[in-house]
N, C-alpha and C. Protein backbone atom coordinates (compact mmCIF):
# COMPACT_ATOMS: atom_id res chain seq x y z
N MET A 1 57.77 -4.23 26.90
CA MET A 1 59.27 -3.83 28.10
C MET A 1 58.51 -4.34 29.73
N ALA A 2 59.57 -4.36 29.74
CA ALA A 2 59.51 -4.86 31.79
C ALA A 2 59.33 -3.94 32.10
N PRO A 3 58.27 -3.94 33.48
CA PRO A 3 57.78 -2.79 34.60
C PRO A 3 59.22 -2.66 34.70
N ASN A 4 59.29 -1.00 35.45
CA ASN A 4 60.52 -1.26 36.21
C ASN A 4 61.46 -0.44 35.30
N ALA A 5 60.96 0.22 33.90
CA ALA A 5 62.14 0.09 32.84
C ALA A 5 62.39 1.78 32.97
N ARG A 6 63.12 2.09 32.76
CA ARG A 6 63.32 3.96 32.67
C ARG A 6 63.42 4.50 31.76
N LEU A 7 62.10 5.19 31.41
CA LEU A 7 62.05 5.74 30.30
C LEU A 7 61.78 6.88 30.39
N ASP A 8 62.58 8.27 29.36
CA ASP A 8 62.55 9.16 29.49
C ASP A 8 61.53 9.94 28.32
N HIS A 9 61.04 10.91 29.52
CA HIS A 9 59.97 11.53 29.15
C HIS A 9 59.74 13.00 27.17
N ARG A 10 61.40 12.96 27.63
CA ARG A 10 62.22 13.78 26.30
C ARG A 10 62.08 12.80 25.12
N ASN A 11 62.04 11.56 24.93
CA ASN A 11 62.02 10.87 24.10
C ASN A 11 60.86 11.49 23.21
N PRO A 12 60.91 11.70 22.15
CA PRO A 12 59.27 12.25 21.06
C PRO A 12 58.66 10.83 20.85
N LEU A 13 58.87 9.42 21.26
CA LEU A 13 58.05 8.40 21.59
C LEU A 13 57.79 7.70 22.75
N VAL A 14 58.07 8.32 23.54
CA VAL A 14 57.34 8.48 25.46
C VAL A 14 56.23 9.21 25.44
N PHE A 15 55.08 8.83 26.22
CA PHE A 15 53.97 9.70 25.87
C PHE A 15 53.46 9.60 27.37
N ASP A 16 53.12 10.99 27.82
CA ASP A 16 52.14 11.02 29.75
C ASP A 16 50.70 10.70 29.53
N THR A 17 50.49 9.85 30.76
CA THR A 17 48.83 9.60 30.48
C THR A 17 48.54 9.83 32.03
N HIS A 18 48.67 11.21 32.67
CA HIS A 18 48.93 11.37 33.18
C HIS A 18 47.85 12.02 33.88
N GLU A 19 47.54 13.08 32.63
CA GLU A 19 45.32 13.32 32.61
C GLU A 19 44.71 12.13 31.98
N LEU A 20 45.13 11.30 32.02
CA LEU A 20 43.81 10.85 32.15
C LEU A 20 43.77 10.09 33.32
N GLY A 21 44.83 10.28 34.43
CA GLY A 21 44.38 9.24 35.32
C GLY A 21 44.17 8.18 35.15
N ARG A 22 43.48 7.27 36.17
CA ARG A 22 43.23 5.70 36.46
C ARG A 22 41.44 5.79 36.05
N ARG A 23 40.94 6.98 35.50
CA ARG A 23 39.62 6.59 35.46
C ARG A 23 39.34 6.42 33.91
N PRO A 24 38.14 5.09 34.24
CA PRO A 24 37.77 4.06 33.12
C PRO A 24 36.96 4.96 32.29
N GLY A 25 37.45 5.01 30.75
CA GLY A 25 36.21 5.22 30.03
C GLY A 25 37.49 7.21 30.12
N ALA A 26 38.03 7.39 30.80
CA ALA A 26 38.60 8.40 30.43
C ALA A 26 39.26 8.56 28.79
N LEU A 27 39.39 9.53 28.28
CA LEU A 27 40.27 9.67 26.41
C LEU A 27 40.47 10.82 26.53
N GLN A 28 41.82 10.90 25.94
CA GLN A 28 42.68 11.74 25.08
C GLN A 28 42.55 11.58 23.78
N ARG A 29 42.84 12.73 22.83
CA ARG A 29 43.94 12.29 21.25
C ARG A 29 45.15 13.72 21.39
N LEU A 30 45.22 12.51 20.97
CA LEU A 30 46.88 13.49 20.49
C LEU A 30 47.12 13.13 19.21
N SER A 31 48.19 14.61 18.86
CA SER A 31 49.00 14.91 17.42
C SER A 31 50.41 15.18 17.62
N ARG A 32 51.30 14.26 17.12
CA ARG A 32 52.54 14.46 17.25
C ARG A 32 53.10 14.27 16.06
N THR A 33 54.63 14.69 15.69
CA THR A 33 54.83 14.94 14.57
C THR A 33 56.49 14.05 15.21
N ILE A 34 57.15 13.54 14.79
CA ILE A 34 58.32 12.78 15.34
C ILE A 34 59.45 12.48 13.97
N ASP A 35 60.55 12.67 14.45
CA ASP A 35 61.83 11.89 13.62
C ASP A 35 61.86 10.87 13.65
N ALA A 36 61.65 9.64 11.78
CA ALA A 36 61.87 8.46 12.75
C ALA A 36 63.20 7.89 12.80
N PRO A 37 62.78 6.80 14.35
CA PRO A 37 64.06 6.66 14.70
C PRO A 37 64.98 5.53 13.75
N LYS A 38 66.07 5.10 13.88
CA LYS A 38 67.02 4.20 12.99
C LYS A 38 66.04 2.89 12.92
N ASP A 39 67.05 1.98 11.82
CA ASP A 39 66.03 1.53 11.43
C ASP A 39 64.47 1.02 11.32
N LEU A 40 63.54 2.06 10.45
CA LEU A 40 62.07 1.52 10.87
C LEU A 40 62.01 1.42 9.57
N GLY A 41 61.55 -0.44 9.47
CA GLY A 41 61.18 -0.57 8.81
C GLY A 41 61.51 -2.01 8.51
N LEU A 42 61.91 -2.48 6.74
CA LEU A 42 62.74 -3.71 6.60
C LEU A 42 64.43 -3.24 6.19
N GLN A 43 64.83 -3.98 7.23
CA GLN A 43 66.70 -3.44 6.11
C GLN A 43 66.58 -4.14 5.26
N GLU A 44 67.45 -3.39 4.74
CA GLU A 44 67.74 -3.41 3.19
C GLU A 44 66.85 -4.00 2.22
N VAL A 45 65.70 -3.17 2.73
CA VAL A 45 64.71 -3.87 1.30
C VAL A 45 63.88 -2.09 1.11
N ILE A 46 63.26 -2.14 2.44
CA ILE A 46 62.31 -1.07 2.45
C ILE A 46 62.01 -0.03 3.65
N GLY A 47 62.05 1.06 3.74
CA GLY A 47 62.10 1.82 5.47
C GLY A 47 61.88 2.75 5.16
N VAL A 48 61.38 3.80 6.33
CA VAL A 48 61.41 5.24 6.82
C VAL A 48 62.59 5.17 6.75
N PRO A 49 63.18 6.44 6.13
CA PRO A 49 64.75 6.81 6.68
C PRO A 49 64.70 7.71 7.83
N GLU A 50 65.94 7.22 8.49
CA GLU A 50 66.14 7.88 9.88
C GLU A 50 65.76 9.38 9.67
N GLY A 51 65.57 9.91 10.94
CA GLY A 51 65.44 11.67 10.77
C GLY A 51 64.06 12.07 9.65
N ALA A 52 63.70 10.79 9.20
CA ALA A 52 62.22 11.99 8.08
C ALA A 52 60.92 11.92 9.27
N PRO A 53 60.31 12.83 8.80
CA PRO A 53 59.03 13.20 9.51
C PRO A 53 57.73 11.53 9.37
N VAL A 54 57.59 11.78 10.92
CA VAL A 54 56.89 10.62 10.69
C VAL A 54 55.37 11.04 11.50
N GLN A 55 54.24 11.48 10.91
CA GLN A 55 52.68 11.75 11.57
C GLN A 55 51.89 10.86 12.95
N LEU A 56 51.58 10.76 13.91
CA LEU A 56 50.82 10.28 14.89
C LEU A 56 49.96 11.00 15.17
N GLU A 57 49.05 10.57 15.24
CA GLU A 57 47.52 10.39 15.48
C GLU A 57 47.37 9.75 16.46
N LEU A 58 46.83 9.35 17.95
CA LEU A 58 46.98 8.81 18.69
C LEU A 58 45.69 9.38 19.40
N ARG A 59 45.04 7.49 19.99
CA ARG A 59 43.53 8.12 21.03
C ARG A 59 44.08 7.23 21.65
N LEU A 60 43.97 8.11 23.42
CA LEU A 60 44.38 6.93 24.39
C LEU A 60 43.30 7.24 25.33
N GLU A 61 42.55 5.48 25.34
CA GLU A 61 41.87 5.23 26.31
C GLU A 61 42.01 4.88 27.31
N SER A 62 41.63 5.54 28.67
CA SER A 62 41.76 4.61 29.80
C SER A 62 40.62 3.40 30.42
N VAL A 63 41.39 2.48 31.10
CA VAL A 63 40.40 0.99 31.11
C VAL A 63 41.24 0.65 32.36
N MET A 64 40.30 -0.56 32.83
CA MET A 64 40.19 -0.99 34.31
C MET A 64 42.14 -1.33 34.12
N GLU A 65 42.61 -1.93 33.03
CA GLU A 65 43.80 -2.88 33.41
C GLU A 65 45.10 -1.13 33.01
N GLY A 66 45.21 -0.81 32.30
CA GLY A 66 45.88 0.36 32.46
C GLY A 66 45.14 1.35 31.10
N VAL A 67 46.22 1.58 29.63
CA VAL A 67 45.66 2.68 28.78
C VAL A 67 46.07 2.25 26.93
N LEU A 68 44.51 2.19 27.00
CA LEU A 68 44.43 1.63 25.19
C LEU A 68 44.54 2.46 24.36
N VAL A 69 45.89 1.69 23.41
CA VAL A 69 46.52 3.45 22.79
C VAL A 69 46.57 2.59 21.08
N THR A 70 44.76 3.26 20.81
CA THR A 70 44.73 3.58 18.81
C THR A 70 45.02 4.45 18.40
N GLY A 71 45.56 3.79 17.17
CA GLY A 71 46.48 5.64 16.34
C GLY A 71 47.15 5.21 14.93
N THR A 72 47.46 5.69 14.20
CA THR A 72 48.05 5.42 12.76
C THR A 72 49.55 7.07 12.50
N ALA A 73 49.87 5.70 11.95
CA ALA A 73 51.47 6.50 11.95
C ALA A 73 51.53 6.68 9.85
N ARG A 74 51.76 8.10 9.53
CA ARG A 74 51.88 8.22 8.28
C ARG A 74 53.47 8.57 7.92
N ALA A 75 53.41 8.21 7.03
CA ALA A 75 55.16 8.27 6.37
C ALA A 75 55.62 8.33 4.90
N GLN A 76 56.83 8.38 4.56
CA GLN A 76 56.94 8.44 3.54
C GLN A 76 57.89 7.16 3.62
N ALA A 77 58.12 6.10 2.98
CA ALA A 77 59.10 5.34 3.19
C ALA A 77 59.83 5.19 1.87
N GLN A 78 61.33 4.55 1.42
CA GLN A 78 61.92 4.63 0.42
C GLN A 78 62.74 3.22 0.75
N GLY A 79 62.75 2.61 -0.60
CA GLY A 79 63.49 1.40 -0.59
C GLY A 79 64.15 1.39 -2.34
N GLU A 80 63.56 -0.45 -2.52
CA GLU A 80 63.94 -0.01 -4.06
C GLU A 80 63.48 -1.37 -4.60
N CYS A 81 63.48 -1.22 -5.59
CA CYS A 81 62.33 -1.96 -6.39
C CYS A 81 62.97 -3.59 -7.01
N VAL A 82 62.17 -4.36 -6.61
CA VAL A 82 62.90 -6.23 -6.21
C VAL A 82 63.16 -6.05 -7.45
N ARG A 83 62.15 -5.72 -8.78
CA ARG A 83 62.22 -6.49 -10.44
C ARG A 83 63.43 -5.44 -10.91
N CYS A 84 63.64 -4.31 -11.13
CA CYS A 84 64.39 -3.60 -11.82
C CYS A 84 65.45 -2.96 -11.06
N LEU A 85 65.33 -3.21 -9.77
CA LEU A 85 66.26 -2.42 -8.60
C LEU A 85 66.80 -0.81 -8.71
N GLU A 86 65.51 -0.25 -9.04
CA GLU A 86 65.49 1.60 -8.87
C GLU A 86 64.44 1.80 -7.92
N PRO A 87 65.47 2.79 -7.21
CA PRO A 87 64.77 3.78 -6.14
C PRO A 87 63.13 3.94 -6.39
N LEU A 88 62.79 3.25 -5.55
CA LEU A 88 61.64 3.78 -5.33
C LEU A 88 60.65 4.37 -3.90
N GLU A 89 59.86 5.56 -3.81
CA GLU A 89 58.99 6.01 -2.49
C GLU A 89 57.76 5.57 -2.45
N LEU A 90 56.92 5.36 -1.84
CA LEU A 90 55.88 5.30 -1.14
C LEU A 90 55.09 5.26 0.00
N ASP A 91 53.76 6.51 -0.24
CA ASP A 91 53.44 7.03 0.89
C ASP A 91 52.73 5.57 2.34
N LEU A 92 53.21 5.49 3.19
CA LEU A 92 53.31 4.56 3.99
C LEU A 92 52.30 5.40 5.03
N GLU A 93 50.87 4.27 5.44
CA GLU A 93 50.12 4.33 6.44
C GLU A 93 50.06 3.42 7.59
N ALA A 94 50.21 3.42 8.81
CA ALA A 94 50.00 1.80 9.83
C ALA A 94 48.97 2.01 10.57
N ASP A 95 48.26 1.49 10.68
CA ASP A 95 47.38 1.13 11.95
C ASP A 95 47.74 0.59 13.08
N PHE A 96 47.67 0.59 14.50
CA PHE A 96 48.22 -0.29 15.53
C PHE A 96 47.27 -0.11 16.63
N GLN A 97 47.41 -0.85 17.49
CA GLN A 97 45.99 -0.86 18.74
C GLN A 97 46.95 -1.74 19.68
N GLU A 98 47.83 -1.03 21.25
CA GLU A 98 48.00 -1.74 21.74
C GLU A 98 47.90 -1.31 23.25
N MET A 99 47.93 -2.18 24.53
CA MET A 99 47.75 -2.36 25.32
C MET A 99 48.20 -2.20 26.76
N PHE A 100 48.76 -0.69 26.94
CA PHE A 100 49.82 -0.55 28.76
C PHE A 100 49.58 -0.90 29.46
N SER A 101 49.78 -1.87 30.41
CA SER A 101 49.30 -2.40 31.46
C SER A 101 49.80 -1.78 32.70
N TYR A 102 49.10 -1.32 33.71
CA TYR A 102 50.09 -0.80 35.27
C TYR A 102 50.30 -1.84 35.41
N PRO A 103 51.85 -1.93 35.86
CA PRO A 103 52.83 -2.24 36.37
C PRO A 103 52.05 -2.98 37.64
N ASP A 104 51.03 -2.83 38.07
CA ASP A 104 50.69 -3.30 40.17
C ASP A 104 49.33 -3.78 39.50
N ALA A 105 48.72 -3.87 38.43
CA ALA A 105 47.57 -4.82 38.06
C ALA A 105 47.45 -6.39 37.76
N ASP A 106 46.78 -6.42 38.01
CA ASP A 106 46.09 -7.65 37.06
C ASP A 106 45.89 -7.56 35.81
N ASP A 107 45.07 -8.61 35.43
CA ASP A 107 44.69 -8.82 34.24
C ASP A 107 42.74 -8.26 34.22
N ARG A 108 42.73 -8.32 35.27
CA ARG A 108 40.96 -7.55 35.18
C ARG A 108 41.05 -6.18 35.91
N GLY A 109 42.44 -5.70 35.96
CA GLY A 109 42.36 -4.61 36.49
C GLY A 109 42.86 -3.99 37.95
N ARG A 110 42.71 -5.51 38.96
CA ARG A 110 42.73 -5.01 40.08
C ARG A 110 43.85 -5.62 40.64
N PRO A 111 43.86 -4.76 41.41
CA PRO A 111 45.92 -4.61 42.43
C PRO A 111 45.79 -5.81 42.69
N LYS A 112 47.70 -6.27 42.36
CA LYS A 112 47.82 -7.87 42.44
C LYS A 112 47.80 -7.97 44.07
N ALA A 113 46.96 -8.83 44.89
CA ALA A 113 47.07 -9.28 46.30
C ALA A 113 48.49 -9.76 46.57
N GLU A 114 49.35 -11.07 45.76
CA GLU A 114 50.98 -11.24 45.81
C GLU A 114 51.62 -11.32 44.96
N PRO A 115 52.83 -10.66 44.99
CA PRO A 115 53.86 -10.70 43.80
C PRO A 115 53.79 -12.10 43.58
N ALA A 116 54.00 -12.37 42.10
CA ALA A 116 54.21 -13.65 41.72
C ALA A 116 56.09 -14.37 41.78
N ASP A 117 55.98 -15.51 41.93
CA ASP A 117 57.20 -16.36 41.50
C ASP A 117 58.42 -15.55 40.56
N ASP A 118 59.70 -15.66 40.80
CA ASP A 118 59.73 -14.50 39.64
C ASP A 118 60.54 -15.09 38.18
N ALA A 119 59.76 -16.68 38.06
CA ALA A 119 60.04 -17.19 36.98
C ALA A 119 58.32 -16.83 35.98
N GLY A 120 57.18 -17.01 36.70
CA GLY A 120 56.00 -16.93 36.68
C GLY A 120 55.59 -15.54 35.77
N GLU A 121 56.82 -14.67 36.72
CA GLU A 121 56.24 -13.18 36.23
C GLU A 121 56.99 -12.39 35.07
N SER A 122 58.14 -13.37 34.89
CA SER A 122 59.19 -12.88 33.94
C SER A 122 58.06 -13.81 32.62
N ALA A 123 57.38 -14.85 32.81
CA ALA A 123 56.87 -15.49 31.52
C ALA A 123 55.60 -14.60 31.24
N GLU A 124 54.57 -13.59 32.29
CA GLU A 124 53.27 -13.32 31.92
C GLU A 124 53.93 -12.38 31.63
N ASN A 125 54.98 -11.57 31.60
CA ASN A 125 55.25 -10.02 31.07
C ASN A 125 56.50 -10.11 30.33
N GLU A 126 56.58 -11.04 29.49
CA GLU A 126 57.20 -11.29 28.19
C GLU A 126 56.48 -10.67 27.01
N ASP A 127 55.59 -10.69 26.83
CA ASP A 127 54.82 -10.45 25.77
C ASP A 127 53.63 -8.86 26.48
N ARG A 128 53.74 -8.13 27.45
CA ARG A 128 52.78 -7.82 27.46
C ARG A 128 53.83 -6.06 27.85
N LEU A 129 53.56 -5.17 27.52
CA LEU A 129 53.93 -3.12 27.48
C LEU A 129 53.07 -2.57 29.10
N PHE A 130 54.22 -2.21 29.16
CA PHE A 130 53.80 -1.78 30.49
C PHE A 130 53.99 0.08 31.07
N ILE A 131 52.98 0.40 31.63
CA ILE A 131 53.51 1.99 32.25
C ILE A 131 54.33 2.15 33.21
N GLU A 132 55.10 2.48 32.83
CA GLU A 132 55.57 3.32 34.45
C GLU A 132 55.57 4.95 34.36
N ASP A 133 55.82 4.85 35.86
CA ASP A 133 55.69 5.99 36.32
C ASP A 133 54.41 7.41 35.40
N GLY A 134 53.47 6.94 34.84
CA GLY A 134 52.39 7.74 33.83
C GLY A 134 52.89 7.45 32.77
N LEU A 135 54.10 6.58 31.97
CA LEU A 135 54.84 6.95 31.03
C LEU A 135 54.73 5.75 30.71
N PHE A 136 54.16 5.81 28.85
CA PHE A 136 54.67 4.61 28.24
C PHE A 136 55.26 5.01 26.37
N ASP A 137 56.15 4.05 26.03
CA ASP A 137 57.09 3.92 25.14
C ASP A 137 55.84 3.75 23.87
N LEU A 138 56.04 4.22 22.97
CA LEU A 138 55.38 3.63 21.94
C LEU A 138 56.11 3.29 20.46
N GLU A 139 57.09 3.31 20.57
CA GLU A 139 58.18 3.01 19.74
C GLU A 139 58.19 1.67 19.45
N PRO A 140 58.29 0.17 20.37
CA PRO A 140 58.44 -1.07 20.08
C PRO A 140 56.73 -1.25 19.06
N VAL A 141 55.41 -0.83 19.20
CA VAL A 141 54.50 -1.07 19.08
C VAL A 141 54.48 -0.19 17.09
N LEU A 142 54.94 1.06 17.09
CA LEU A 142 55.50 1.94 16.22
C LEU A 142 56.14 0.97 14.76
N ARG A 143 57.33 -0.02 15.82
CA ARG A 143 58.25 -0.77 14.73
C ARG A 143 57.46 -1.76 13.82
N ASP A 144 56.31 -2.79 14.72
CA ASP A 144 56.09 -3.57 14.64
C ASP A 144 54.69 -3.34 13.49
N ALA A 145 53.97 -2.46 13.88
CA ALA A 145 53.06 -1.16 12.77
C ALA A 145 53.33 -1.16 10.94
N VAL A 146 54.59 -0.69 11.45
CA VAL A 146 55.05 -0.11 10.21
C VAL A 146 56.07 -1.70 9.64
N VAL A 147 56.67 -2.45 9.60
CA VAL A 147 56.89 -3.77 9.45
C VAL A 147 56.07 -4.41 8.89
N LEU A 148 54.75 -4.49 9.13
CA LEU A 148 53.34 -4.65 8.74
C LEU A 148 52.77 -4.67 8.25
N ALA A 149 53.03 -3.17 8.45
CA ALA A 149 52.00 -2.49 6.51
C ALA A 149 53.02 -2.12 5.45
N LEU A 150 54.20 -2.96 5.12
CA LEU A 150 55.50 -2.50 4.52
C LEU A 150 55.50 -3.92 3.67
N PRO A 151 55.02 -3.68 2.34
CA PRO A 151 55.22 -4.55 1.54
C PRO A 151 57.18 -5.42 1.08
N MET A 152 56.73 -7.01 1.26
CA MET A 152 57.87 -7.28 1.39
C MET A 152 58.75 -7.47 0.19
N GLN A 153 58.18 -7.54 -0.90
CA GLN A 153 58.45 -7.46 -2.13
C GLN A 153 58.15 -6.42 -2.87
N PRO A 154 58.80 -4.96 -2.81
CA PRO A 154 57.82 -3.56 -2.60
C PRO A 154 58.41 -3.92 -4.78
N VAL A 155 57.63 -2.92 -5.71
CA VAL A 155 58.15 -2.86 -6.73
C VAL A 155 57.43 -1.26 -7.04
N CYS A 156 58.33 -0.92 -7.93
CA CYS A 156 57.93 0.86 -8.73
C CYS A 156 56.66 0.12 -9.19
N GLN A 157 56.15 -0.08 -10.06
CA GLN A 157 54.72 -0.35 -10.24
C GLN A 157 54.33 -1.69 -10.71
N ASP A 158 53.15 -2.12 -10.09
CA ASP A 158 52.80 -3.35 -10.56
C ASP A 158 52.64 -4.09 -11.70
N ASP A 159 53.00 -3.60 -13.00
CA ASP A 159 53.92 -4.61 -13.95
C ASP A 159 54.67 -3.94 -14.06
N CYS A 160 55.64 -4.08 -13.67
CA CYS A 160 57.32 -3.32 -13.52
C CYS A 160 58.05 -5.05 -14.88
N PRO A 161 58.42 -4.78 -15.94
CA PRO A 161 59.19 -5.70 -16.34
C PRO A 161 60.04 -6.28 -16.19
N GLY A 162 60.94 -5.82 -14.29
CA GLY A 162 62.10 -6.46 -14.45
C GLY A 162 62.71 -5.96 -15.17
N LEU A 163 64.64 -6.61 -14.99
CA LEU A 163 65.98 -6.87 -16.11
C LEU A 163 65.89 -7.80 -16.85
N CYS A 164 66.41 -7.32 -17.70
CA CYS A 164 66.82 -8.35 -18.86
C CYS A 164 67.92 -9.21 -18.02
N SER A 165 67.26 -10.67 -18.26
CA SER A 165 68.30 -12.01 -17.38
C SER A 165 69.41 -12.13 -18.31
N GLU A 166 69.37 -11.52 -19.47
CA GLU A 166 71.10 -11.97 -20.16
C GLU A 166 71.81 -10.93 -20.08
N CYS A 167 71.36 -9.66 -20.49
CA CYS A 167 72.35 -8.70 -20.14
C CYS A 167 72.58 -7.28 -19.22
N GLY A 168 70.92 -7.55 -18.52
CA GLY A 168 70.59 -6.72 -17.50
C GLY A 168 69.98 -5.28 -17.67
N ALA A 169 69.62 -5.19 -18.84
CA ALA A 169 69.15 -3.81 -19.34
C ALA A 169 67.73 -3.94 -18.78
N ARG A 170 67.15 -2.91 -17.96
CA ARG A 170 65.94 -2.18 -17.42
C ARG A 170 64.98 -2.74 -18.76
N LEU A 171 64.00 -3.67 -18.23
CA LEU A 171 63.27 -3.73 -19.90
C LEU A 171 62.14 -2.53 -20.13
N ALA A 172 61.65 -1.64 -19.13
CA ALA A 172 60.93 -0.79 -19.15
C ALA A 172 61.11 0.14 -19.90
N ASP A 173 62.86 0.60 -20.02
CA ASP A 173 63.15 1.82 -20.91
C ASP A 173 63.18 1.47 -22.24
N ASP A 174 62.90 -0.34 -22.46
CA ASP A 174 62.75 -0.59 -23.87
C ASP A 174 62.14 -2.28 -24.11
N PRO A 175 60.99 -1.55 -24.30
CA PRO A 175 59.58 -2.46 -24.27
C PRO A 175 60.17 -3.98 -25.58
N ASP A 176 60.92 -3.52 -26.87
CA ASP A 176 61.24 -3.99 -27.54
C ASP A 176 62.27 -4.84 -27.07
N HIS A 177 63.13 -4.30 -26.48
CA HIS A 177 64.33 -5.34 -26.39
C HIS A 177 64.16 -6.76 -26.22
N HIS A 178 65.37 -7.60 -26.79
CA HIS A 178 65.37 -8.94 -26.83
C HIS A 178 66.60 -9.29 -27.72
N HIS A 179 66.87 -11.12 -27.10
CA HIS A 179 67.84 -12.18 -27.32
C HIS A 179 67.44 -12.38 -28.82
N ASP A 180 68.41 -12.94 -30.05
CA ASP A 180 68.12 -13.93 -30.79
C ASP A 180 68.20 -15.18 -30.37
N ALA A 181 66.88 -16.26 -29.87
CA ALA A 181 67.45 -17.30 -29.01
C ALA A 181 68.24 -18.20 -29.21
N VAL A 182 68.79 -18.71 -29.45
CA VAL A 182 69.52 -20.24 -30.74
C VAL A 182 69.39 -21.64 -29.57
N ASP A 183 68.74 -22.05 -30.52
CA ASP A 183 67.69 -23.30 -30.00
C ASP A 183 68.84 -24.46 -29.91
N ILE A 184 69.82 -24.84 -28.20
CA ILE A 184 70.75 -25.93 -28.57
C ILE A 184 70.73 -26.79 -29.08
N ARG A 185 70.08 -27.52 -29.55
CA ARG A 185 69.56 -28.30 -29.97
C ARG A 185 70.37 -28.19 -32.25
N TRP A 186 70.48 -27.06 -32.37
CA TRP A 186 70.82 -26.65 -34.01
C TRP A 186 72.90 -25.68 -33.73
N ALA A 187 73.22 -25.60 -32.15
CA ALA A 187 74.26 -24.90 -32.25
C ALA A 187 74.95 -25.63 -33.13
N ALA A 188 75.04 -26.92 -32.56
CA ALA A 188 76.73 -28.05 -33.47
C ALA A 188 76.29 -27.75 -34.49
N LEU A 189 75.34 -27.74 -35.36
CA LEU A 189 75.15 -27.54 -36.52
C LEU A 189 75.27 -26.62 -37.07
N GLN A 190 75.06 -24.83 -36.54
CA GLN A 190 75.93 -24.07 -36.80
C GLN A 190 77.16 -23.83 -36.92
N GLY A 191 77.51 -24.38 -35.77
CA GLY A 191 79.04 -24.22 -35.80
C GLY A 191 80.00 -25.13 -37.26
N LEU A 192 79.30 -26.76 -37.36
CA LEU A 192 79.75 -27.00 -38.16
C LEU A 192 79.32 -26.46 -39.61
N ALA A 193 78.67 -25.49 -40.06
CA ALA A 193 78.19 -24.92 -41.10
C ALA A 193 79.21 -24.01 -41.30
N GLY A 194 79.33 -22.94 -39.71
CA GLY A 194 80.37 -22.13 -40.41
C GLY A 194 81.56 -22.53 -40.44
N SER A 195 82.32 -23.56 -39.89
CA SER A 195 83.60 -24.41 -40.14
C SER A 195 83.20 -24.68 -41.39
N LEU A 196 82.06 -25.17 -42.24
CA LEU A 196 82.38 -25.51 -43.74
C LEU A 196 82.41 -23.94 -44.39
N GLU A 197 81.63 -22.98 -44.11
CA GLU A 197 81.69 -21.70 -44.97
C GLU A 197 83.39 -21.52 -44.61
N ASP A 198 84.25 -21.38 -43.32
CA ASP A 198 85.43 -21.06 -43.48
C ASP A 198 86.41 -21.60 -44.22
N GLY A 199 85.92 -23.06 -44.56
CA GLY A 199 87.29 -23.99 -45.42
C GLY A 199 86.50 -23.34 -46.92
N GLU A 200 85.65 -23.04 -47.23
CA GLU A 200 85.60 -22.95 -48.90
C GLU A 200 85.99 -21.12 -49.23
N LYS A 201 85.83 -20.50 -48.17
CA LYS A 201 86.56 -19.73 -48.40
C LYS A 201 88.43 -19.46 -48.25
N ASP A 202 88.47 -20.46 -47.21
CA ASP A 202 89.99 -20.66 -47.44
C ASP A 202 90.63 -21.15 -48.75
N GLU A 203 89.84 -22.37 -49.45
CA GLU A 203 90.02 -22.98 -50.52
C GLU A 203 89.62 -21.91 -51.76
N MET A 204 88.81 -20.91 -51.59
CA MET A 204 88.36 -19.36 -52.78
C MET A 204 89.94 -18.98 -52.85
N SER A 205 90.25 -19.04 -51.90
CA SER A 205 91.13 -17.41 -51.83
C SER A 205 92.62 -18.43 -52.34
N GLY A 206 92.64 -19.93 -51.93
CA GLY A 206 94.13 -20.32 -52.43
C GLY A 206 93.38 -20.19 -53.68
N ALA A 207 91.95 -20.80 -54.62
CA ALA A 207 92.29 -20.80 -55.91
C ALA A 207 92.51 -19.71 -56.63
N ASP A 208 92.46 -18.65 -55.94
CA ASP A 208 92.43 -17.00 -56.65
C ASP A 208 94.16 -17.21 -56.24
N ALA A 209 94.52 -17.22 -55.47
CA ALA A 209 96.25 -17.41 -55.63
C ALA A 209 96.90 -17.99 -56.86
N GLU A 210 96.38 -18.94 -57.54
CA GLU A 210 97.11 -19.77 -58.03
C GLU A 210 97.04 -19.43 -59.05
N ALA A 211 95.42 -18.75 -59.85
CA ALA A 211 95.07 -18.03 -60.76
C ALA A 211 96.22 -17.22 -61.25
N GLY A 212 96.33 -16.34 -60.27
CA GLY A 212 97.05 -15.04 -60.28
C GLY A 212 98.58 -15.50 -60.87
N VAL A 213 99.41 -16.91 -60.50
CA VAL A 213 100.56 -16.75 -60.58
C VAL A 213 100.02 -17.36 -61.85
N ASP A 214 98.84 -18.36 -62.55
CA ASP A 214 99.25 -18.87 -63.37
C ASP A 214 98.94 -17.72 -64.89
N GLU A 215 98.70 -16.84 -64.37
CA GLU A 215 98.64 -15.28 -65.30
C GLU A 215 99.70 -14.72 -65.09
N LYS A 216 100.60 -14.70 -64.81
CA LYS A 216 102.11 -14.15 -64.52
C LYS A 216 102.90 -14.80 -65.28
N GLN A 217 102.62 -16.37 -65.43
CA GLN A 217 103.41 -17.24 -65.58
C GLN A 217 103.48 -17.09 -67.65
N GLU A 218 101.77 -16.80 -68.04
CA GLU A 218 101.58 -16.69 -69.48
C GLU A 218 102.57 -15.80 -69.80
N LYS A 219 102.11 -14.30 -69.05
CA LYS A 219 102.80 -13.62 -69.71
C LYS A 219 104.39 -13.40 -69.53
């Protein structure tokens, strides 16, 4: 987040550091349950549903250059098994740690003597998160932590057998499910055998018909 961004203290993911002051070593512990923001997780794979409760446990520590935030987020994620495509749920626990810097201090916590040029300052600040008016926004940190904690290929159980490749049946529901495999090397011979059998049946039908005619003539 670039400095001078306006933060809304009413946002449940925005936290106030005024109680810490700028006293290095000062600590504050916070517990908060929030509603999950939209798209929290891996899109179309697995994530925390929007509005679901997310429990946050935070430790805020004041240091020279800013506030070091260490925490854990707990929630229940929902998704789809990549093998059998059935819905699944799992308990999510995501740990994170991030430094939120004072915008008027350098990396050593000292006041900046002179402003850097625009290009240099932009490059330096691109990957840094800042405290603005004593507030910081935890949402980008939470999103990154949740994505890292979620499985890229979620499964309903470790040994899920998935779906039948031929008919799509869920194999966990029918462990004995199978299809008789035909060796393609014999497929042509089987087709020929079927044709011969059909021919024999036709000949037998013709012979039976002739026998019936002869029998009628004798009568």
